[in-house]
Amino acid sequence: GFNMTFAFHDDGLKTKAIIMVSRFG
């Protein structure tokens, strides 16, 4: 009805992340 983009989130779940690095750590 409002043309929404929406999402429900569980704040207890951690975001899975990939870290990319070169020579500065």
PDB file of all heavy atoms in Angstrom:
ATOM      1  N   GLY A   1       0.798  -1.215   0.000  1.00  0.00           N
ATOM      2  CA  GLY A   1       0.000   0.000   0.000  1.00  0.00           C
ATOM      3  C   GLY A   1       0.832   1.266   0.000  1.00  0.00           C
ATOM      4  O   GLY A   1       0.392   2.304  -0.521  1.00  0.00           O
ATOM      5  N   PHE A   2       2.037   1.187   0.580  1.00  0.00           N
ATOM      6  CA  PHE A   2       2.917   2.353   0.636  1.00  0.00           C
ATOM      7  C   PHE A   2       4.109   2.247  -0.329  1.00  0.00           C
ATOM      8  O   PHE A   2       5.000   3.083  -0.298  1.00  0.00           O
ATOM      9  CB  PHE A   2       3.454   2.542   2.055  1.00  0.00           C
ATOM     10  CG  PHE A   2       2.433   3.048   3.039  1.00  0.00           C
ATOM     11  CD1 PHE A   2       1.776   2.170   3.885  1.00  0.00           C
ATOM     12  CD2 PHE A   2       2.117   4.390   3.103  1.00  0.00           C
ATOM     13  CE1 PHE A   2       0.832   2.638   4.797  1.00  0.00           C
ATOM     14  CE2 PHE A   2       1.173   4.864   4.009  1.00  0.00           C
ATOM     15  CZ  PHE A   2       0.526   3.985   4.859  1.00  0.00           C
ATOM     16  N   ASN A   3       4.128   1.176  -1.152  1.00  0.00           N
ATOM     17  CA  ASN A   3       5.244   0.948  -2.085  1.00  0.00           C
ATOM     18  C   ASN A   3       6.566   0.877  -1.326  1.00  0.00           C
ATOM     19  O   ASN A   3       7.560   1.514  -1.692  1.00  0.00           O
ATOM     20  CB  ASN A   3       5.294   2.040  -3.150  1.00  0.00           C
ATOM     21  CG  ASN A   3       6.196   1.666  -4.324  1.00  0.00           C
ATOM     22  OD1 ASN A   3       6.468   0.484  -4.557  1.00  0.00           O
ATOM     23  ND2 ASN A   3       6.683   2.659  -5.045  1.00  0.00           N
ATOM     24  N   MET A   4       6.576   0.089  -0.260  1.00  0.00           N
ATOM     25  CA  MET A   4       7.738  -0.002   0.639  1.00  0.00           C
ATOM     26  C   MET A   4       8.731  -1.071   0.199  1.00  0.00           C
ATOM     27  O   MET A   4       8.351  -2.129  -0.302  1.00  0.00           O
ATOM     28  CB  MET A   4       7.289  -0.375   2.056  1.00  0.00           C
ATOM     29  CG  MET A   4       6.565   0.677   2.821  1.00  0.00           C
ATOM     30  SD  MET A   4       6.109   0.016   4.461  1.00  0.00           S
ATOM     31  CE  MET A   4       5.268   1.442   5.147  1.00  0.00           C
ATOM     32  N   THR A   5       9.995  -0.794   0.432  1.00  0.00           N
ATOM     33  CA  THR A   5      11.031  -1.817   0.522  1.00  0.00           C
ATOM     34  C   THR A   5      11.278  -2.036   2.003  1.00  0.00           C
ATOM     35  O   THR A   5      11.551  -1.071   2.730  1.00  0.00           O
ATOM     36  CB  THR A   5      12.321  -1.365  -0.174  1.00  0.00           C
ATOM     37  OG1 THR A   5      12.064  -1.133  -1.559  1.00  0.00           O
ATOM     38  CG2 THR A   5      13.408  -2.418  -0.024  1.00  0.00           C
ATOM     39  N   PHE A   6      11.170  -3.268   2.486  1.00  0.00           N
ATOM     40  CA  PHE A   6      11.275  -3.489   3.924  1.00  0.00           C
ATOM     41  C   PHE A   6      11.990  -4.804   4.212  1.00  0.00           C
ATOM     42  O   PHE A   6      12.114  -5.679   3.339  1.00  0.00           O
ATOM     43  CB  PHE A   6       9.874  -3.513   4.566  1.00  0.00           C
ATOM     44  CG  PHE A   6       9.099  -4.779   4.302  1.00  0.00           C
ATOM     45  CD1 PHE A   6       9.111  -5.832   5.219  1.00  0.00           C
ATOM     46  CD2 PHE A   6       8.362  -4.939   3.135  1.00  0.00           C
ATOM     47  CE1 PHE A   6       8.408  -6.999   4.972  1.00  0.00           C
ATOM     48  CE2 PHE A   6       7.652  -6.107   2.882  1.00  0.00           C
ATOM     49  CZ  PHE A   6       7.667  -7.138   3.807  1.00  0.00           C
ATOM     50  N   ALA A   7      12.452  -4.931   5.444  1.00  0.00           N
ATOM     51  CA  ALA A   7      13.058  -6.174   5.897  1.00  0.00           C
ATOM     52  C   ALA A   7      12.943  -6.263   7.414  1.00  0.00           C
ATOM     53  O   ALA A   7      13.049  -5.243   8.114  1.00  0.00           O
ATOM     54  CB  ALA A   7      14.522  -6.267   5.474  1.00  0.00           C
ATOM     55  N   PHE A   8      12.703  -7.470   7.915  1.00  0.00           N
ATOM     56  CA  PHE A   8      12.730  -7.740   9.349  1.00  0.00           C
ATOM     57  C   PHE A   8      14.068  -8.393   9.688  1.00  0.00           C
ATOM     58  O   PHE A   8      14.559  -9.243   8.934  1.00  0.00           O
ATOM     59  CB  PHE A   8      11.579  -8.666   9.745  1.00  0.00           C
ATOM     60  CG  PHE A   8      10.235  -7.984   9.788  1.00  0.00           C
ATOM     61  CD1 PHE A   8       9.424  -7.961   8.664  1.00  0.00           C
ATOM     62  CD2 PHE A   8       9.794  -7.369  10.951  1.00  0.00           C
ATOM     63  CE1 PHE A   8       8.186  -7.339   8.695  1.00  0.00           C
ATOM     64  CE2 PHE A   8       8.561  -6.737  10.994  1.00  0.00           C
ATOM     65  CZ  PHE A   8       7.753  -6.718   9.868  1.00  0.00           C
ATOM     66  N   HIS A   9      14.651  -8.007  10.813  1.00  0.00           N
ATOM     67  CA  HIS A   9      15.976  -8.485  11.196  1.00  0.00           C
ATOM     68  C   HIS A   9      15.973  -9.007  12.629  1.00  0.00           C
ATOM     69  O   HIS A   9      15.326  -8.411  13.506  1.00  0.00           O
ATOM     70  CB  HIS A   9      17.006  -7.356  11.094  1.00  0.00           C
ATOM     71  CG  HIS A   9      16.966  -6.605   9.810  1.00  0.00           C
ATOM     72  ND1 HIS A   9      17.588  -7.048   8.662  1.00  0.00           N
ATOM     73  CD2 HIS A   9      16.359  -5.420   9.486  1.00  0.00           C
ATOM     74  CE1 HIS A   9      17.374  -6.167   7.685  1.00  0.00           C
ATOM     75  NE2 HIS A   9      16.643  -5.184   8.166  1.00  0.00           N
ATOM     76  N   ASP A  10      16.700 -10.079  12.843  1.00  0.00           N
ATOM     77  CA  ASP A  10      16.947 -10.589  14.193  1.00  0.00           C
ATOM     78  C   ASP A  10      18.255  -9.977  14.681  1.00  0.00           C
ATOM     79  O   ASP A  10      19.328 -10.296  14.160  1.00  0.00           O
ATOM     80  CB  ASP A  10      17.038 -12.110  14.160  1.00  0.00           C
ATOM     81  CG  ASP A  10      17.209 -12.730  15.553  1.00  0.00           C
ATOM     82  OD1 ASP A  10      17.590 -12.002  16.498  1.00  0.00           O
ATOM     83  OD2 ASP A  10      16.969 -13.934  15.689  1.00  0.00           O
ATOM     84  N   ASP A  11      18.178  -9.090  15.677  1.00  0.00           N
ATOM     85  CA  ASP A  11      19.383  -8.404  16.151  1.00  0.00           C
ATOM     86  C   ASP A  11      20.367  -9.339  16.838  1.00  0.00           C
ATOM     87  O   ASP A  11      21.509  -8.965  17.101  1.00  0.00           O
ATOM     88  CB  ASP A  11      18.991  -7.269  17.117  1.00  0.00           C
ATOM     89  CG  ASP A  11      18.439  -6.054  16.375  1.00  0.00           C
ATOM     90  OD1 ASP A  11      18.560  -6.026  15.135  1.00  0.00           O
ATOM     91  OD2 ASP A  11      17.887  -5.153  17.024  1.00  0.00           O
ATOM     92  N   GLY A  12      19.927 -10.554  17.132  1.00  0.00           N
ATOM     93  CA  GLY A  12      20.828 -11.512  17.763  1.00  0.00           C
ATOM     94  C   GLY A  12      21.720 -12.243  16.781  1.00  0.00           C
ATOM     95  O   GLY A  12      22.649 -12.945  17.184  1.00  0.00           O
ATOM     96  N   LEU A  13      21.441 -12.106  15.488  1.00  0.00           N
ATOM     97  CA  LEU A  13      22.237 -12.786  14.469  1.00  0.00           C
ATOM     98  C   LEU A  13      23.367 -11.885  13.991  1.00  0.00           C
ATOM     99  O   LEU A  13      23.146 -10.718  13.675  1.00  0.00           O
ATOM    100  CB  LEU A  13      21.356 -13.181  13.281  1.00  0.00           C
ATOM    101  CG  LEU A  13      20.228 -14.178  13.563  1.00  0.00           C
ATOM    102  CD1 LEU A  13      19.440 -14.458  12.288  1.00  0.00           C
ATOM    103  CD2 LEU A  13      20.779 -15.472  14.141  1.00  0.00           C
ATOM    104  N   LYS A  14      24.561 -12.428  13.909  1.00  0.00           N
ATOM    105  CA  LYS A  14      25.708 -11.665  13.445  1.00  0.00           C
ATOM    106  C   LYS A  14      25.802 -11.701  11.917  1.00  0.00           C
ATOM    107  O   LYS A  14      25.458 -12.704  11.288  1.00  0.00           O
ATOM    108  CB  LYS A  14      27.003 -12.207  14.053  1.00  0.00           C
ATOM    109  CG  LYS A  14      27.095 -12.028  15.556  1.00  0.00           C
ATOM    110  CD  LYS A  14      28.433 -12.532  16.078  1.00  0.00           C
ATOM    111  CE  LYS A  14      28.566 -12.288  17.575  1.00  0.00           C
ATOM    112  NZ  LYS A  14      29.886 -12.736  18.096  1.00  0.00           N
ATOM    113  N   THR A  15      26.264 -10.612  11.342  1.00  0.00           N
ATOM    114  CA  THR A  15      26.475 -10.536   9.902  1.00  0.00           C
ATOM    115  C   THR A  15      27.744 -11.293   9.526  1.00  0.00           C
ATOM    116  O   THR A  15      28.813 -11.057  10.097  1.00  0.00           O
ATOM    117  CB  THR A  15      26.599  -9.068   9.457  1.00  0.00           C
ATOM    118  OG1 THR A  15      25.377  -8.387   9.749  1.00  0.00           O
ATOM    119  CG2 THR A  15      26.898  -8.973   7.966  1.00  0.00           C
ATOM    120  N   LYS A  16      27.630 -12.198   8.574  1.00  0.00           N
ATOM    121  CA  LYS A  16      28.804 -12.943   8.116  1.00  0.00           C
ATOM    122  C   LYS A  16      29.627 -12.052   7.189  1.00  0.00           C
ATOM    123  O   LYS A  16      29.098 -11.520   6.205  1.00  0.00           O
ATOM    124  CB  LYS A  16      28.379 -14.219   7.394  1.00  0.00           C
ATOM    125  CG  LYS A  16      27.736 -15.258   8.304  1.00  0.00           C
ATOM    126  CD  LYS A  16      27.431 -16.538   7.544  1.00  0.00           C
ATOM    127  CE  LYS A  16      26.861 -17.592   8.489  1.00  0.00           C
ATOM    128  NZ  LYS A  16      26.573 -18.856   7.765  1.00  0.00           N
ATOM    129  N   ALA A  17      30.907 -11.910   7.509  1.00  0.00           N
ATOM    130  CA  ALA A  17      31.750 -10.964   6.772  1.00  0.00           C
ATOM    131  C   ALA A  17      33.046 -11.614   6.303  1.00  0.00           C
ATOM    132  O   ALA A  17      33.635 -12.445   7.011  1.00  0.00           O
ATOM    133  CB  ALA A  17      32.073  -9.752   7.635  1.00  0.00           C
ATOM    134  N   ILE A  18      33.475 -11.227   5.120  1.00  0.00           N
ATOM    135  CA  ILE A  18      34.795 -11.557   4.585  1.00  0.00           C
ATOM    136  C   ILE A  18      35.651 -10.295   4.681  1.00  0.00           C
ATOM    137  O   ILE A  18      35.234  -9.215   4.250  1.00  0.00           O
ATOM    138  CB  ILE A  18      34.712 -12.006   3.113  1.00  0.00           C
ATOM    139  CG1 ILE A  18      34.037 -13.375   2.985  1.00  0.00           C
ATOM    140  CG2 ILE A  18      36.100 -12.026   2.469  1.00  0.00           C
ATOM    141  CD1 ILE A  18      34.899 -14.546   3.419  1.00  0.00           C
ATOM    142  N   ILE A  19      36.841 -10.418   5.255  1.00  0.00           N
ATOM    143  CA  ILE A  19      37.791  -9.303   5.318  1.00  0.00           C
ATOM    144  C   ILE A  19      38.836  -9.505   4.230  1.00  0.00           C
ATOM    145  O   ILE A  19      39.406 -10.588   4.094  1.00  0.00           O
ATOM    146  CB  ILE A  19      38.485  -9.224   6.689  1.00  0.00           C
ATOM    147  CG1 ILE A  19      37.472  -9.297   7.833  1.00  0.00           C
ATOM    148  CG2 ILE A  19      39.329  -7.958   6.785  1.00  0.00           C
ATOM    149  CD1 ILE A  19      36.484  -8.188   7.872  1.00  0.00           C
ATOM    150  N   MET A  20      39.103  -8.441   3.463  1.00  0.00           N
ATOM    151  CA  MET A  20      40.134  -8.493   2.431  1.00  0.00           C
ATOM    152  C   MET A  20      41.231  -7.484   2.776  1.00  0.00           C
ATOM    153  O   MET A  20      40.930  -6.342   3.137  1.00  0.00           O
ATOM    154  CB  MET A  20      39.531  -8.214   1.058  1.00  0.00           C
ATOM    155  CG  MET A  20      38.513  -9.278   0.640  1.00  0.00           C
ATOM    156  SD  MET A  20      37.734  -8.983  -0.977  1.00  0.00           S
ATOM    157  CE  MET A  20      39.143  -9.112  -2.067  1.00  0.00           C
ATOM    158  N   VAL A  21      42.476  -7.905   2.675  1.00  0.00           N
ATOM    159  CA  VAL A  21      43.602  -7.087   3.121  1.00  0.00           C
ATOM    160  C   VAL A  21      44.799  -7.327   2.211  1.00  0.00           C
ATOM    161  O   VAL A  21      44.922  -8.399   1.602  1.00  0.00           O
ATOM    162  CB  VAL A  21      43.958  -7.424   4.592  1.00  0.00           C
ATOM    163  CG1 VAL A  21      44.453  -8.858   4.716  1.00  0.00           C
ATOM    164  CG2 VAL A  21      44.982  -6.446   5.164  1.00  0.00           C
ATOM    165  N   SER A  22      45.671  -6.338   2.123  1.00  0.00           N
ATOM    166  CA  SER A  22      46.924  -6.506   1.384  1.00  0.00           C
ATOM    167  C   SER A  22      48.088  -6.493   2.369  1.00  0.00           C
ATOM    168  O   SER A  22      48.246  -7.427   3.137  1.00  0.00           O
ATOM    169  CB  SER A  22      47.070  -5.433   0.307  1.00  0.00           C
ATOM    170  OG  SER A  22      46.129  -5.648  -0.729  1.00  0.00           O
ATOM    171  N   ARG A  23      48.862  -5.403   2.409  1.00  0.00           N
ATOM    172  CA  ARG A  23      50.070  -5.412   3.239  1.00  0.00           C
ATOM    173  C   ARG A  23      49.993  -4.487   4.439  1.00  0.00           C
ATOM    174  O   ARG A  23      50.919  -4.453   5.245  1.00  0.00           O
ATOM    175  CB  ARG A  23      51.284  -5.051   2.389  1.00  0.00           C
ATOM    176  CG  ARG A  23      51.730  -6.218   1.518  1.00  0.00           C
ATOM    177  CD  ARG A  23      53.035  -5.934   0.811  1.00  0.00           C
ATOM    178  NE  ARG A  23      53.684  -7.150   0.383  1.00  0.00           N
ATOM    179  CZ  ARG A  23      54.328  -7.293  -0.770  1.00  0.00           C
ATOM    180  NH1 ARG A  23      54.404  -6.268  -1.604  1.00  0.00           N
ATOM    181  NH2 ARG A  23      54.900  -8.427  -1.090  1.00  0.00           N
ATOM    182  N   PHE A  24      48.915  -3.717   4.590  1.00  0.00           N
ATOM    183  CA  PHE A  24      48.736  -2.870   5.768  1.00  0.00           C
ATOM    184  C   PHE A  24      47.705  -3.541   6.658  1.00  0.00           C
ATOM    185  O   PHE A  24      46.530  -3.630   6.306  1.00  0.00           O
ATOM    186  CB  PHE A  24      48.284  -1.459   5.370  1.00  0.00           C
ATOM    187  CG  PHE A  24      49.274  -0.728   4.514  1.00  0.00           C
ATOM    188  CD1 PHE A  24      49.056  -0.576   3.156  1.00  0.00           C
ATOM    189  CD2 PHE A  24      50.429  -0.199   5.068  1.00  0.00           C
ATOM    190  CE1 PHE A  24      49.970   0.097   2.355  1.00  0.00           C
ATOM    191  CE2 PHE A  24      51.352   0.474   4.278  1.00  0.00           C
ATOM    192  CZ  PHE A  24      51.129   0.623   2.919  1.00  0.00           C
ATOM    193  N   GLY A  25      48.140  -3.985   7.851  1.00  0.00           N
ATOM    194  CA  GLY A  25      47.290  -4.848   8.671  1.00  0.00           C
ATOM    195  C   GLY A  25      46.595  -4.181   9.828  1.00  0.00           C
ATOM    196  O   GLY A  25      45.944  -4.869  10.624  1.00  0.00           O
TER     197      GLY A  25
END
